[in-house]
Amino acid sequence: MIGVIDYDAGNITSVCNALRSVDAGYLVSNEKTKLERAEKIIMPGVGEAQSAMNSLRELELVEWLRNVSVPFLGICLGMQVLFKRSDERNTSCLGVVDGTIRKFTSDDESGKLKIPHMGWNTISFDKEHTLFKNIRAGSYFYFVHSYYAPIVNETVSYTTYGTPFTSGLQKRNFYGVQFHPEKSGKNGLQVLKNFIELC
């Protein structure tokens, strides 16, 4: 059973539809006692960092998330809040991964970047990773975000939009993807399957 965290950060329905399409059992909850029974955790996210962290604090989930021992997958904002802090409203985040979430700038060598980064883009990786089993480097995924994670030691895939950024990461049992697997067609469903098959 997969626990999907409902913390008022949107996109729950799309994630649940994707889980149903790969025959994964799940529960949606914001209650720690229910989420503790899950074998894996998914934290989707659309919105902004400070509101997300405020919601997690109100739900008394912050310390539990920092110490969760089952496989955890953060999607988009759910990945970004794994970092130490975000420049989005100067927000302190979960601190599982060291580093700061930055905002895209509109100026780059190729001219003007449109912000947010919205639409299909490729992922790259230098070596195969469990999260991307049966997925080729250069495969397309769907992104929607104005802030990005830097390249860190935990990066397992990266994408370039003006600047290279982390599009997939792992630290211990914590996994994260910047793209939306639930909106990324066959490749996105494969990422969800790969996560489900962990452990």
Foldseek 3Di string as FASTA:
>chain_A
DEEEEDQPFDDPVLVVVLCVVVVHDYDYDLAPVVNLVHQEYEYEGHDFQVSSVVSCVVSVCLVVVLPPQHAYEYEASGVQLCEQFEPGVTGGGNHVHYFYKAFDDQDAPVGGFDPPPFAKFFKAFDDDDLLQPPHDGRAIFTAHHGIFAADDPFAGIWTDDSHIGRQWGDDNSYIYGNGQLSRGPPSSSSSVVSSVPDD
